[in-house]
Each structure stands twice: as C-alpha cells, then as structure tokens.
C-alpha atoms as a PDB file:
ATOM      1  CA  MET A   1       0.289  -0.210  -0.001  1.00  0.00           C
ATOM      2  CA  GLY A   2       2.975   2.024   0.425  1.00  0.00           C
ATOM      3  CA  CYS A   3       4.034   2.096   4.246  1.00  0.00           C
ATOM      4  CA  ASN A   4       6.984   1.264   5.313  1.00  0.00           C
ATOM      5  CA  THR A   5       6.652   0.578   8.667  1.00  0.00           C
ATOM      6  CA  VAL A   6       4.455  -2.116  11.378  1.00  0.00           C
ATOM      7  CA  ALA A   7       3.550  -0.653  14.455  1.00  0.00           C
ATOM      8  CA  ALA A   8       3.287  -3.542  16.778  1.00  0.00           C
ATOM      9  CA  TYR A   9       0.939  -3.840  19.856  1.00  0.00           C
ATOM     10  CA  THR A  10       2.706  -6.230  22.548  1.00  0.00           C
ATOM     11  CA  PHE A  11      -0.139  -7.791  24.704  1.00  0.00           C
ATOM     12  CA  TRP A  12       1.321  -8.399  28.239  1.00  0.00           C
ATOM     13  CA  ASN A  13      -1.074 -10.645  29.240  1.00  0.00           C
ATOM     14  CA  TYR A  14      -0.621 -12.846  26.132  1.00  0.00           C
ATOM     15  CA  HIS A  15       2.990 -13.325  27.029  1.00  0.00           C
ATOM     16  CA  GLU A  16       2.613 -13.834  30.679  1.00  0.00           C
ATOM     17  CA  THR A  17      -0.419 -15.556  31.479  1.00  0.00           C
ATOM     18  CA  GLU A  18       0.862 -17.038  34.678  1.00  0.00           C
ATOM     19  CA  LYS A  19       3.048 -14.599  37.454  1.00  0.00           C
ATOM     20  CA  GLY A  20       6.426 -15.148  36.333  1.00  0.00           C
ATOM     21  CA  VAL A  21       5.469 -16.946  33.275  1.00  0.00           C
ATOM     22  CA  PHE A  22       6.524 -16.039  29.911  1.00  0.00           C
ATOM     23  CA  ASP A  23       6.230 -17.416  26.683  1.00  0.00           C
ATOM     24  CA  PHE A  24       7.999 -15.320  23.615  1.00  0.00           C
ATOM     25  CA  LYS A  25       8.462 -18.781  21.547  1.00  0.00           C
ATOM     26  CA  THR A  26       5.968 -20.230  20.547  1.00  0.00           C
ATOM     27  CA  GLY A  27       3.384 -19.981  17.641  1.00  0.00           C
ATOM     28  CA  ASN A  28       2.439 -16.308  17.792  1.00  0.00           C
ATOM     29  CA  LYS A  29       4.162 -14.994  20.627  1.00  0.00           C
ATOM     30  CA  ASN A  30       7.454 -14.923  19.101  1.00  0.00           C
ATOM     31  CA  ILE A  31       8.011 -11.561  18.979  1.00  0.00           C
ATOM     32  CA  ALA A  32      11.701 -11.244  17.970  1.00  0.00           C
ATOM     33  CA  GLU A  33      10.888 -13.532  14.707  1.00  0.00           C
ATOM     34  CA  PHE A  34       7.305 -11.077  13.594  1.00  0.00           C
ATOM     35  CA  ILE A  35       9.980  -8.290  14.223  1.00  0.00           C
ATOM     36  CA  ARG A  36      12.981  -9.942  12.007  1.00  0.00           C
ATOM     37  CA  ILE A  37      10.394 -10.769   9.253  1.00  0.00           C
ATOM     38  CA  CYS A  38       9.273  -7.069   8.601  1.00  0.00           C
ATOM     39  CA  GLN A  39      12.710  -6.249   8.283  1.00  0.00           C
ATOM     40  CA  GLN A  40      13.070  -8.749   5.699  1.00  0.00           C
ATOM     41  CA  GLU A  41      10.109  -7.155   4.324  1.00  0.00           C
ATOM     42  CA  ARG A  42      12.424  -3.743   4.404  1.00  0.00           C
ATOM     43  CA  MET A  43       9.843  -2.374   6.897  1.00  0.00           C
ATOM     44  CA  TRP A  44      10.463  -0.547   9.865  1.00  0.00           C
ATOM     45  CA  VAL A  45       8.805  -1.110  13.312  1.00  0.00           C
ATOM     46  CA  LEU A  46       7.459   1.090  16.445  1.00  0.00           C
ATOM     47  CA  LEU A  47       7.431  -1.197  19.310  1.00  0.00           C
ATOM     48  CA  ARG A  48       4.239  -0.620  21.162  1.00  0.00           C
ATOM     49  CA  PRO A  49       4.919  -2.743  24.771  1.00  0.00           C
ATOM     50  CA  GLY A  50       2.079  -0.549  26.556  1.00  0.00           C
ATOM     51  CA  PRO A  51       2.497  -2.042  29.565  1.00  0.00           C
ATOM     52  CA  TYR A  52      -1.304  -1.042  29.042  1.00  0.00           C
ATOM     53  CA  VAL A  53      -2.050  -1.277  25.460  1.00  0.00           C
ATOM     54  CA  CYS A  54      -5.761  -0.795  24.928  1.00  0.00           C
ATOM     55  CA  ALA A  55      -6.711  -2.131  21.823  1.00  0.00           C
ATOM     56  CA  GLU A  56      -9.826  -2.906  22.560  1.00  0.00           C
ATOM     57  CA  TRP A  57      -8.240  -6.465  24.000  1.00  0.00           C
ATOM     58  CA  ASP A  58      -9.269  -8.073  27.424  1.00  0.00           C
ATOM     59  CA  PHE A  59      -8.146  -5.864  30.507  1.00  0.00           C
ATOM     60  CA  GLY A  60      -6.130  -3.514  28.092  1.00  0.00           C
ATOM     61  CA  GLY A  61      -3.512  -6.036  27.634  1.00  0.00           C
ATOM     62  CA  LEU A  62      -2.390  -6.054  31.707  1.00  0.00           C
ATOM     63  CA  PRO A  63      -2.397 -10.027  33.423  1.00  0.00           C
ATOM     64  CA  ALA A  64      -5.273 -11.167  35.050  1.00  0.00           C
ATOM     65  CA  TYR A  65      -3.273 -12.534  37.963  1.00  0.00           C
ATOM     66  CA  LEU A  66      -3.194  -8.614  38.991  1.00  0.00           C
ATOM     67  CA  LEU A  67      -6.296  -8.808  40.161  1.00  0.00           C
ATOM     68  CA  LYS A  68      -5.460 -11.717  42.772  1.00  0.00           C
ATOM     69  CA  VAL A  69      -4.449  -8.529  44.580  1.00  0.00           C
ATOM     70  CA  PRO A  70      -8.163  -6.906  45.896  1.00  0.00           C
ATOM     71  CA  ASP A  71      -6.843  -3.713  46.536  1.00  0.00           C
ATOM     72  CA  ILE A  72      -3.986  -3.443  43.726  1.00  0.00           C
ATOM     73  CA  ARG A  73      -3.858   0.100  41.348  1.00  0.00           C
ATOM     74  CA  ILE A  74      -2.316  -0.053  38.174  1.00  0.00           C
ATOM     75  CA  ARG A  75      -1.308   2.317  35.491  1.00  0.00           C
ATOM     76  CA  CYS A  76       0.708   4.174  39.029  1.00  0.00           C
ATOM     77  CA  MET A  77       3.259   3.490  41.213  1.00  0.00           C
ATOM     78  CA  ASP A  78       1.659   0.923  43.092  1.00  0.00           C
ATOM     79  CA  PRO A  79       5.209  -0.939  44.216  1.00  0.00           C
ATOM     80  CA  ARG A  80       2.901  -4.476  43.123  1.00  0.00           C
ATOM     81  CA  TYR A  81       2.314  -3.532  40.116  1.00  0.00           C
ATOM     82  CA  MET A  82       5.765  -2.043  39.195  1.00  0.00           C
ATOM     83  CA  ALA A  83       7.093  -4.824  40.322  1.00  0.00           C
ATOM     84  CA  ALA A  84       5.394  -6.847  37.608  1.00  0.00           C
ATOM     85  CA  VAL A  85       5.382  -3.818  35.153  1.00  0.00           C
ATOM     86  CA  THR A  86       9.579  -4.334  35.692  1.00  0.00           C
ATOM     87  CA  ARG A  87       9.483  -7.696  35.274  1.00  0.00           C
ATOM     88  CA  TYR A  88       7.244  -7.767  32.106  1.00  0.00           C
ATOM     89  CA  ILE A  89       9.662  -4.801  30.484  1.00  0.00           C
ATOM     90  CA  LYS A  90      12.516  -6.930  31.424  1.00  0.00           C
ATOM     91  CA  LYS A  91      11.485  -9.948  29.898  1.00  0.00           C
ATOM     92  CA  LEU A  92      10.602  -7.984  26.512  1.00  0.00           C
ATOM     93  CA  ALA A  93      13.589  -6.340  26.127  1.00  0.00           C
ATOM     94  CA  TYR A  94      15.815  -9.367  26.274  1.00  0.00           C
ATOM     95  CA  GLU A  95      13.910 -10.360  23.567  1.00  0.00           C
ATOM     96  CA  THR A  96      13.836  -7.163  21.363  1.00  0.00           C
ATOM     97  CA  VAL A  97      16.647  -4.854  22.512  1.00  0.00           C
ATOM     98  CA  PRO A  98      19.186  -6.495  19.952  1.00  0.00           C
ATOM     99  CA  LEU A  99      16.634  -5.530  17.683  1.00  0.00           C
ATOM    100  CA  GLN A 100      16.694  -1.762  17.354  1.00  0.00           C
ATOM    101  CA  CYS A 101      17.482  -0.170  14.913  1.00  0.00           C
ATOM    102  CA  THR A 102      20.905   1.116  16.812  1.00  0.00           C
ATOM    103  CA  LYS A 103      22.251  -2.240  16.069  1.00  0.00           C
ATOM    104  CA  GLY A 104      21.314  -3.096  12.868  1.00  0.00           C
ATOM    105  CA  GLY A 105      17.548  -4.186  13.866  1.00  0.00           C
ATOM    106  CA  PRO A 106      14.549  -2.184  12.342  1.00  0.00           C
ATOM    107  CA  ILE A 107      12.575  -0.719  15.491  1.00  0.00           C
ATOM    108  CA  LEU A 108      13.038   2.730  15.098  1.00  0.00           C
ATOM    109  CA  MET A 109      10.914   3.787  18.014  1.00  0.00           C
ATOM    110  CA  VAL A 110       9.826   2.525  21.181  1.00  0.00           C
ATOM    111  CA  GLN A 111       5.812   3.914  23.088  1.00  0.00           C
ATOM    112  CA  VAL A 112       5.787   4.505  26.774  1.00  0.00           C
ATOM    113  CA  GLU A 113       2.371   3.336  27.835  1.00  0.00           C
ATOM    114  CA  ASN A 114      -0.557   4.384  25.825  1.00  0.00           C
ATOM    115  CA  GLU A 115      -3.061   7.777  25.920  1.00  0.00           C
ATOM    116  CA  TYR A 116      -2.396   7.556  29.510  1.00  0.00           C
ATOM    117  CA  GLY A 117      -3.558  11.248  29.332  1.00  0.00           C
ATOM    118  CA  SER A 118      -7.053  10.146  28.890  1.00  0.00           C
ATOM    119  CA  TYR A 119      -6.637   7.802  32.252  1.00  0.00           C
ATOM    120  CA  GLY A 120      -4.503   9.532  34.760  1.00  0.00           C
ATOM    121  CA  ASN A 121      -2.203  12.485  35.790  1.00  0.00           C
ATOM    122  CA  ASP A 122       0.513  10.426  37.542  1.00  0.00           C
ATOM    123  CA  ARG A 123       3.794  12.211  36.041  1.00  0.00           C
ATOM    124  CA  GLU A 124       5.886  10.096  38.508  1.00  0.00           C
ATOM    125  CA  TYR A 125       4.815   7.002  37.025  1.00  0.00           C
ATOM    126  CA  MET A 126       5.382   8.431  33.384  1.00  0.00           C
ATOM    127  CA  LYS A 127       9.034   9.579  33.952  1.00  0.00           C
ATOM    128  CA  THR A 128       9.933   5.879  36.229  1.00  0.00           C
ATOM    129  CA  LEU A 129       8.371   3.821  33.010  1.00  0.00           C
ATOM    130  CA  GLN A 130      10.013   5.780  30.983  1.00  0.00           C
ATOM    131  CA  GLN A 131      13.129   5.377  32.586  1.00  0.00           C
ATOM    132  CA  LEU A 132      12.704   1.996  33.266  1.00  0.00           C
ATOM    133  CA  ILE A 133      12.482   1.789  29.399  1.00  0.00           C
ATOM    134  CA  LYS A 134      15.919   3.395  29.090  1.00  0.00           C
ATOM    135  CA  ASN A 135      17.045   1.563  31.813  1.00  0.00           C
ATOM    136  CA  SER A 136      16.526  -1.893  30.180  1.00  0.00           C
ATOM    137  CA  GLY A 137      18.115  -1.247  26.942  1.00  0.00           C
ATOM    138  CA  PHE A 138      16.148   0.673  24.868  1.00  0.00           C
ATOM    139  CA  ASN A 139      18.190   3.156  23.214  1.00  0.00           C
ATOM    140  CA  VAL A 140      16.027   4.200  19.859  1.00  0.00           C
ATOM    141  CA  PRO A 141      13.766   7.579  20.386  1.00  0.00           C
ATOM    142  CA  LEU A 142      10.944   7.013  22.607  1.00  0.00           C
ATOM    143  CA  TYR A 143       7.276   8.587  22.216  1.00  0.00           C
ATOM    144  CA  THR A 144       3.667   8.677  23.819  1.00  0.00           C
ATOM    145  CA  ALA A 145       0.433   8.598  22.247  1.00  0.00           C
ATOM    146  CA  ASP A 146      -2.378  11.181  23.127  1.00  0.00           C
ATOM    147  CA  GLY A 147      -5.278  12.642  22.411  1.00  0.00           C
ATOM    148  CA  PRO A 148      -5.041  16.131  20.850  1.00  0.00           C
ATOM    149  CA  THR A 149      -5.989  17.941  23.542  1.00  0.00           C
ATOM    150  CA  PRO A 150      -4.126  20.005  26.539  1.00  0.00           C
ATOM    151  CA  TYR A 151      -4.943  17.807  29.348  1.00  0.00           C
ATOM    152  CA  MET A 152      -4.319  14.794  27.725  1.00  0.00           C
ATOM    153  CA  LEU A 153      -0.831  15.949  26.378  1.00  0.00           C
ATOM    154  CA  GLU A 154      -0.041  17.582  29.854  1.00  0.00           C
ATOM    155  CA  ALA A 155      -0.711  14.197  31.519  1.00  0.00           C
ATOM    156  CA  GLY A 156       0.741  11.934  28.704  1.00  0.00           C
ATOM    157  CA  SER A 157       3.610  13.116  27.254  1.00  0.00           C
ATOM    158  CA  LEU A 158       6.775  13.363  28.128  1.00  0.00           C
ATOM    159  CA  THR A 159      10.222  15.271  28.080  1.00  0.00           C
ATOM    160  CA  GLY A 160      12.515  13.916  25.404  1.00  0.00           C
ATOM    161  CA  ALA A 161       9.532  11.692  23.716  1.00  0.00           C
ATOM    162  CA  ALA A 162       8.341  12.468  20.840  1.00  0.00           C
ATOM    163  CA  ILE A 163       4.790  13.407  20.714  1.00  0.00           C
ATOM    164  CA  GLY A 164       2.023  10.738  18.936  1.00  0.00           C
ATOM    165  CA  LEU A 165      -1.009  12.393  18.170  1.00  0.00           C
ATOM    166  CA  ASP A 166      -4.023  10.115  17.709  1.00  0.00           C
ATOM    167  CA  SER A 167      -5.257  11.720  15.921  1.00  0.00           C
ATOM    168  CA  GLY A 168      -3.391  14.012  14.431  1.00  0.00           C
ATOM    169  CA  GLY A 169      -5.264  15.565  11.108  1.00  0.00           C
ATOM    170  CA  ASP A 170      -4.869  18.569  10.995  1.00  0.00           C
ATOM    171  CA  GLU A 171      -3.106  21.760  12.164  1.00  0.00           C
ATOM    172  CA  LYS A 172      -4.981  22.649  14.955  1.00  0.00           C
ATOM    173  CA  ASP A 173      -4.215  19.331  16.224  1.00  0.00           C
ATOM    174  CA  PHE A 174      -0.531  19.551  15.107  1.00  0.00           C
ATOM    175  CA  GLU A 175      -0.745  23.048  16.759  1.00  0.00           C
ATOM    176  CA  GLN A 176      -1.372  21.554  20.323  1.00  0.00           C
ATOM    177  CA  ALA A 177       1.687  19.208  20.073  1.00  0.00           C
ATOM    178  CA  ARG A 178       3.619  22.520  19.067  1.00  0.00           C
ATOM    179  CA  ARG A 179       2.163  24.790  22.173  1.00  0.00           C
ATOM    180  CA  HIS A 180       2.813  21.554  24.666  1.00  0.00           C
ATOM    181  CA  ASN A 181       6.212  21.094  23.688  1.00  0.00           C
ATOM    182  CA  PRO A 182       8.229  22.718  20.331  1.00  0.00           C
ATOM    183  CA  ASN A 183      11.455  20.953  20.988  1.00  0.00           C
ATOM    184  CA  VAL A 184      10.289  17.012  19.895  1.00  0.00           C
ATOM    185  CA  PRO A 185       8.869  15.936  16.618  1.00  0.00           C
ATOM    186  CA  ALA A 186       5.120  15.088  16.445  1.00  0.00           C
ATOM    187  CA  PHE A 187       2.918  12.595  14.548  1.00  0.00           C
ATOM    188  CA  SER A 188      -0.230  10.832  14.230  1.00  0.00           C
ATOM    189  CA  SER A 189       0.487   8.130  15.998  1.00  0.00           C
ATOM    190  CA  GLU A 190      -3.110   6.921  15.536  1.00  0.00           C
ATOM    191  CA  THR A 191      -4.828   7.678  12.280  1.00  0.00           C
ATOM    192  CA  TYR A 192      -8.068   5.728  12.037  1.00  0.00           C
ATOM    193  CA  PRO A 193      -8.867   4.666   8.980  1.00  0.00           C
ATOM    194  CA  GLY A 194     -12.247   2.737  10.561  1.00  0.00           C
ATOM    195  CA  TRP A 195     -13.601   2.116  14.109  1.00  0.00           C
ATOM    196  CA  LEU A 196     -14.636  -0.647  16.806  1.00  0.00           C
ATOM    197  CA  THR A 197     -18.264  -1.809  17.286  1.00  0.00           C
ATOM    198  CA  HIS A 198     -19.668  -2.440  20.427  1.00  0.00           C
ATOM    199  CA  TRP A 199     -21.866  -5.490  20.885  1.00  0.00           C
ATOM    200  CA  GLY A 200     -25.517  -3.879  20.288  1.00  0.00           C
ATOM    201  CA  GLU A 201     -24.577  -1.324  18.105  1.00  0.00           C
ATOM    202  CA  LYS A 202     -24.962  -1.048  14.212  1.00  0.00           C
ATOM    203  CA  TRP A 203     -21.454  -1.693  12.439  1.00  0.00           C
ATOM    204  CA  ALA A 204     -18.996   1.177  12.546  1.00  0.00           C
ATOM    205  CA  ARG A 205     -18.733   2.310   8.529  1.00  0.00           C
ATOM    206  CA  PRO A 206     -16.784   5.476   9.046  1.00  0.00           C
ATOM    207  CA  ASP A 207     -16.858   8.416   6.286  1.00  0.00           C
ATOM    208  CA  THR A 208     -13.928   8.103   4.125  1.00  0.00           C
ATOM    209  CA  GLY A 209     -14.144  11.277   2.871  1.00  0.00           C
ATOM    210  CA  GLY A 210     -12.894  12.612   6.277  1.00  0.00           C
ATOM    211  CA  LEU A 211     -10.187   9.997   6.153  1.00  0.00           C
ATOM    212  CA  LYS A 212      -9.318  10.783   2.730  1.00  0.00           C
ATOM    213  CA  LYS A 213      -8.638  14.709   4.082  1.00  0.00           C
ATOM    214  CA  GLU A 214      -6.703  13.654   6.967  1.00  0.00           C
ATOM    215  CA  VAL A 215      -4.409  11.811   4.966  1.00  0.00           C
ATOM    216  CA  GLU A 216      -4.110  14.240   2.203  1.00  0.00           C
ATOM    217  CA  TYR A 217      -3.150  16.892   4.597  1.00  0.00           C
ATOM    218  CA  LEU A 218      -0.864  14.676   6.191  1.00  0.00           C
ATOM    219  CA  LEU A 219       1.241  13.841   3.119  1.00  0.00           C
ATOM    220  CA  LYS A 220       1.163  17.112   1.588  1.00  0.00           C
ATOM    221  CA  ASN A 221       2.819  18.722   4.923  1.00  0.00           C
ATOM    222  CA  LYS A 222       5.180  15.713   5.172  1.00  0.00           C
ATOM    223  CA  LYS A 223       3.881  14.245   8.475  1.00  0.00           C
ATOM    224  CA  SER A 224       4.578  11.067   9.861  1.00  0.00           C
ATOM    225  CA  PHE A 225       1.677   8.943  10.693  1.00  0.00           C
ATOM    226  CA  ASN A 226       0.296   5.280  11.473  1.00  0.00           C
ATOM    227  CA  PHE A 227      -2.785   3.419  10.624  1.00  0.00           C
ATOM    228  CA  TYR A 228      -4.829   2.131  13.372  1.00  0.00           C
ATOM    229  CA  VAL A 229      -5.650  -0.779  12.330  1.00  0.00           C
ATOM    230  CA  ILE A 230      -4.742  -1.341   8.859  1.00  0.00           C
ATOM    231  CA  HIS A 231      -5.662  -4.651   9.022  1.00  0.00           C
ATOM    232  CA  GLY A 232      -8.972  -5.927  10.862  1.00  0.00           C
ATOM    233  CA  GLY A 233      -8.712  -9.006  12.669  1.00  0.00           C
ATOM    234  CA  THR A 234     -10.838 -11.293  15.070  1.00  0.00           C
ATOM    235  CA  ASN A 235     -10.606 -11.281  19.131  1.00  0.00           C
ATOM    236  CA  PHE A 236     -10.591 -15.439  19.483  1.00  0.00           C
ATOM    237  CA  GLY A 237     -11.519 -16.942  22.576  1.00  0.00           C
ATOM    238  CA  PHE A 238     -11.783 -14.350  25.452  1.00  0.00           C
ATOM    239  CA  THR A 239      -9.507 -11.720  23.921  1.00  0.00           C
ATOM    240  CA  ALA A 240     -12.271  -8.831  23.270  1.00  0.00           C
ATOM    241  CA  GLY A 241     -12.092  -6.259  25.772  1.00  0.00           C
ATOM    242  CA  ALA A 242     -14.755  -3.567  26.483  1.00  0.00           C
ATOM    243  CA  ASN A 243     -14.389   0.358  26.509  1.00  0.00           C
ATOM    244  CA  ALA A 244     -16.239   2.235  29.442  1.00  0.00           C
ATOM    245  CA  PHE A 245     -16.945   5.687  29.144  1.00  0.00           C
ATOM    246  CA  SER A 246     -18.430   6.282  32.689  1.00  0.00           C
ATOM    247  CA  PRO A 247     -19.093   3.956  35.362  1.00  0.00           C
ATOM    248  CA  VAL A 248     -23.052   2.885  33.789  1.00  0.00           C
ATOM    249  CA  ALA A 249     -21.750   2.571  30.017  1.00  0.00           C
ATOM    250  CA  TYR A 250     -20.084  -0.818  29.914  1.00  0.00           C
ATOM    251  CA  GLN A 251     -19.559  -1.220  26.170  1.00  0.00           C
ATOM    252  CA  PRO A 252     -18.211  -4.457  25.369  1.00  0.00           C
ATOM    253  CA  ASP A 253     -16.311  -5.251  21.966  1.00  0.00           C
ATOM    254  CA  ILE A 254     -17.425  -7.755  19.681  1.00  0.00           C
ATOM    255  CA  THR A 255     -15.758 -10.706  18.613  1.00  0.00           C
ATOM    256  CA  SER A 256     -14.868  -9.594  15.063  1.00  0.00           C
ATOM    257  CA  TYR A 257     -12.234  -7.050  14.908  1.00  0.00           C
ATOM    258  CA  ASP A 258     -13.196  -6.227  11.115  1.00  0.00           C
ATOM    259  CA  TYR A 259     -13.017  -2.221  12.267  1.00  0.00           C
ATOM    260  CA  ASP A 260     -14.209  -1.394   8.817  1.00  0.00           C
ATOM    261  CA  ALA A 261     -10.172  -1.586   7.998  1.00  0.00           C
ATOM    262  CA  PRO A 262      -8.076  -1.332   4.566  1.00  0.00           C
ATOM    263  CA  ILE A 263      -7.296  -4.356   5.068  1.00  0.00           C
ATOM    264  CA  ASN A 264     -10.482  -6.748   6.399  1.00  0.00           C
ATOM    265  CA  GLU A 265     -11.059  -9.349   8.678  1.00  0.00           C
ATOM    266  CA  ASN A 266     -10.262 -12.257   6.208  1.00  0.00           C
ATOM    267  CA  GLY A 267      -7.236 -10.458   4.448  1.00  0.00           C
ATOM    268  CA  GLU A 268      -8.578  -8.681   1.436  1.00  0.00           C
ATOM    269  CA  PRO A 269      -7.929  -5.412   0.505  1.00  0.00           C
ATOM    270  CA  THR A 270     -11.077  -3.164   0.023  1.00  0.00           C
ATOM    271  CA  ALA A 271     -12.184  -0.126  -1.348  1.00  0.00           C
ATOM    272  CA  LYS A 272     -10.784   1.755   0.914  1.00  0.00           C
ATOM    273  CA  TYR A 273      -7.253   0.314   0.749  1.00  0.00           C
ATOM    274  CA  PHE A 274      -7.238   0.916  -3.043  1.00  0.00           C
ATOM    275  CA  MET A 275      -8.117   4.576  -2.439  1.00  0.00           C
ATOM    276  CA  LEU A 276      -5.665   4.808   0.121  1.00  0.00           C
ATOM    277  CA  ARG A 277      -2.912   3.285  -1.934  1.00  0.00           C
ATOM    278  CA  ASN A 278      -3.703   5.377  -4.710  1.00  0.00           C
ATOM    279  CA  LEU A 279      -2.884   8.595  -2.420  1.00  0.00           C
ATOM    280  CA  ILE A 280       0.329   7.206  -0.835  1.00  0.00           C
ATOM    281  CA  ALA A 281       2.007   6.057  -4.245  1.00  0.00           C
ATOM    282  CA  ALA A 282       1.875   9.876  -5.175  1.00  0.00           C
ATOM    283  CA  TYR A 283       4.527  10.525  -2.841  1.00  0.00           C
ATOM    284  CA  THR A 284       6.432   7.283  -2.784  1.00  0.00           C
ATOM    285  CA  LYS A 285       9.531   7.267  -5.321  1.00  0.00           C
ATOM    286  CA  GLU A 286       9.382   3.789  -6.433  1.00  0.00           C
ATOM    287  CA  PRO A 287       6.406   1.905  -7.759  1.00  0.00           C
ATOM    288  CA  LEU A 288       4.694  -0.034  -4.900  1.00  0.00           C
ATOM    289  CA  PRO A 289       4.816  -3.732  -5.047  1.00  0.00           C
ATOM    290  CA  GLU A 290       2.090  -5.763  -6.715  1.00  0.00           C
ATOM    291  CA  ILE A 291      -0.700  -6.884  -4.117  1.00  0.00           C
ATOM    292  CA  PRO A 292      -1.153 -10.098  -2.772  1.00  0.00           C
ATOM    293  CA  ALA A 293      -3.599 -13.096  -3.850  1.00  0.00           C
ATOM    294  CA  PRO A 294      -6.275 -12.953  -2.065  1.00  0.00           C
ATOM    295  CA  VAL A 295      -6.197 -15.700   1.053  1.00  0.00           C
ATOM    296  CA  LYS A 296      -7.870 -18.774   0.572  1.00  0.00           C
ATOM    297  CA  THR A 297     -11.504 -19.585   1.990  1.00  0.00           C
ATOM    298  CA  ILE A 298     -13.833 -22.281   2.694  1.00  0.00           C
ATOM    299  CA  GLU A 299     -17.266 -22.351   2.185  1.00  0.00           C
ATOM    300  CA  ILE A 300     -19.860 -23.623   5.032  1.00  0.00           C
ATOM    301  CA  PRO A 301     -23.192 -24.167   4.353  1.00  0.00           C
ATOM    302  CA  SER A 302     -26.159 -22.799   5.732  1.00  0.00           C
ATOM    303  CA  PHE A 303     -27.352 -24.624   9.158  1.00  0.00           C
ATOM    304  CA  TYR A 304     -30.021 -23.449  11.462  1.00  0.00           C
ATOM    305  CA  LEU A 305     -29.596 -23.172  15.138  1.00  0.00           C
ATOM    306  CA  GLN A 306     -32.329 -24.809  17.350  1.00  0.00           C
ATOM    307  CA  LYS A 307     -33.190 -23.830  20.800  1.00  0.00           C
ATOM    308  CA  MET A 308     -32.606 -26.642  23.392  1.00  0.00           C
ATOM    309  CA  GLY A 309     -33.124 -24.742  26.358  1.00  0.00           C
ATOM    310  CA  SER A 310     -32.038 -22.106  28.927  1.00  0.00           C
ATOM    311  CA  ILE A 311     -28.355 -21.689  31.044  1.00  0.00           C
ATOM    312  CA  TRP A 312     -30.683 -21.135  33.784  1.00  0.00           C
ATOM    313  CA  ASP A 313     -32.190 -24.509  33.601  1.00  0.00           C
ATOM    314  CA  TYR A 314     -28.491 -25.593  34.685  1.00  0.00           C
ATOM    315  CA  PHE A 315     -27.913 -23.674  37.006  1.00  0.00           C
ATOM    316  CA  THR A 316     -28.084 -25.589  40.505  1.00  0.00           C
ATOM    317  CA  ASN A 317     -26.809 -24.676  44.044  1.00  0.00           C
ATOM    318  CA  GLY A 318     -24.596 -21.535  43.003  1.00  0.00           C
ATOM    319  CA  HIS A 319     -22.725 -24.254  40.026  1.00  0.00           C
ATOM    320  CA  LEU A 320     -23.249 -24.368  36.135  1.00  0.00           C
ATOM    321  CA  PHE A 321     -23.688 -27.485  34.716  1.00  0.00           C
ATOM    322  CA  PHE A 322     -23.670 -28.175  30.716  1.00  0.00           C
ATOM    323  CA  THR A 323     -24.951 -31.541  29.292  1.00  0.00           C
ATOM    324  CA  ALA A 324     -24.856 -32.552  25.204  1.00  0.00           C
ATOM    325  CA  LYS A 325     -27.639 -34.807  24.123  1.00  0.00           C
ATOM    326  CA  ASN A 326     -27.248 -37.768  23.254  1.00  0.00           C
ATOM    327  CA  HIS A 327     -23.326 -37.265  24.633  1.00  0.00           C
ATOM    328  CA  GLY A 328     -23.865 -37.673  28.778  1.00  0.00           C
ATOM    329  CA  SER A 329     -22.344 -34.872  30.629  1.00  0.00           C
ATOM    330  CA  LEU A 330     -19.456 -32.624  29.539  1.00  0.00           C
END
C-alpha cells in the first residue's frame, strides 16, 4: 500500500499468562521472529509495549493475575504493580533490544504507555516507566500517544519523547503538540481508517471522505502517520475487551475486529485500501509492489440453530452444569 513501517503492540497478558511464566517463543508469541520478518520485508517497526495498550483487548493487555490482589492500583506507582511491570519490560527487552535500529535491526521507536492522558495524571509513574525502558537497554527514541487536547498531552507526554497524536489530522492538532513541547517531533500515531463496534451497536462504517482529507493533509505537509488499524482481525476466545465511558456505560467489544479497516478481517483489500494506496503512491519514489493474491477461504453450508433450553435450567446450588444431547455430561 506504500507504507514502510509496522506498529506492533505487545500484549503483556498474552506473554505472561501466569505470574512469572513468560512465553516469547511459541506460535504468534514469538515477537522477535515477527520483527525479523518485518525487516526481511524491508519494513521498520514501532514497538508498542504498553504496559497498558488498550487495543480493545481484554484488560488492555494487563495480565489477569494482577487482580488477585484485591486493592491493587494499576497504571500508577503502586509497588506491587510496578514490580510486575518491571519484570515484564525486562523480559521483553531481552527479546527485542538486539533488534533496535541502533544495532542493525528495524525497531525505530518505542512507545511509553498508551493514551495515558485519557486515564490519569501520575507524572512520577510516566517518568519512572520512561526510565525503566531506557535502563532495560532501549536506546532508540521514545514516544507517547495521546489525544490532541491540552489536558491529555499534559498528563500523557514526556520531556524528550516524541509526541504521538491520536489522531493528528489537521493543523490544529499539530499546533497543540507544538504548544505543549516545540522541542520534540510530532506525528499522527493513530490515524483511524475505521472504527470498533460494541455489542448491540450498528456496524461501524466511518466516513471515507474524512479519512481521505486527513491523509491528504498529512502527506502534503510531510507528517509521519500510523494507521490504526490497517488490517482487521478477530478477537478469538476471550481476548476481546470493553470500553467504559462512565461507570454505567459498559461497552463490550464484539468478537470481530474487522474495524472497517482497509484490509478486512479475512485479509482482503477493500475499496478504502485502494483509495489510500493511490494517495500514497503519488508520494513514493519507487513503484509499489503487486498486491498479494487473496487468502483462500472455505465455504460453510447454511445451518440452523435450535434452542435446547436456557442456561438457567442448568444452574444448581451456585454451579453451572452443561450437558450435550446423546453425549452424556461435558
């Protein structure tokens, strides 16, 4: 499509499912191999380790075992939380520090936290996290990502770290970054080509005209930008998270994370993809490569679901029991 960088979240709870037990090697958990593949494909990498990443992912990427401590406070200087964060960052650093561009790898920048200005204002926490990342061996430039408003930038940004804007789509947004800190670069760290959908909502289909206007501005004014997300996916199992815009507005995310993205959930380019490809192609020096053939899919014949009963029919003495017809107890 003309992009040259992959922005990659690392989900802490995906790599440390049990306290102190890390997996960075099996299946999709091999983040180092993924980064090496990016380099093989001539792509740079923005590493986004959190520790909180949001991403409509369960608990924002924080491991569930933290909740075994009833009074724990997250995303702040609670020593129990920070001890776990330190352990995670050091483990991740062991896998990824050798892959920084300063060592011949593709990692250009590392993000500190994620939209912290939308959550809290613990400046000691953000500064401590910044120093932890540096002390763990990361020596590439760091950046933050926050909405382009004064209070979000005040709480979420850091001295010496580039300012990511979620999103930065016009001159007013970048002016906010300059007002806050004119001494560091700013870019659109999340330009939204689509949007998420919660259960019960109409499927998100954002206006493509607005996206085109934003990207044209960014290209004409030589602003770096990152599409969030370029490729839709699926929240398998129980990985889907939720949003809560108030104590009574709990919004669970649907299993699909198609996101109305330029590359849809099953890996096919959409009309939005070709619009963006054509825009970017006008600013690239080399012809863009051919688009890969579509991923092969299977066709599933229609089938019908029949109600067998209510879940409450199997609720006895505080326990749930499930049975399958003709197959005994499950």
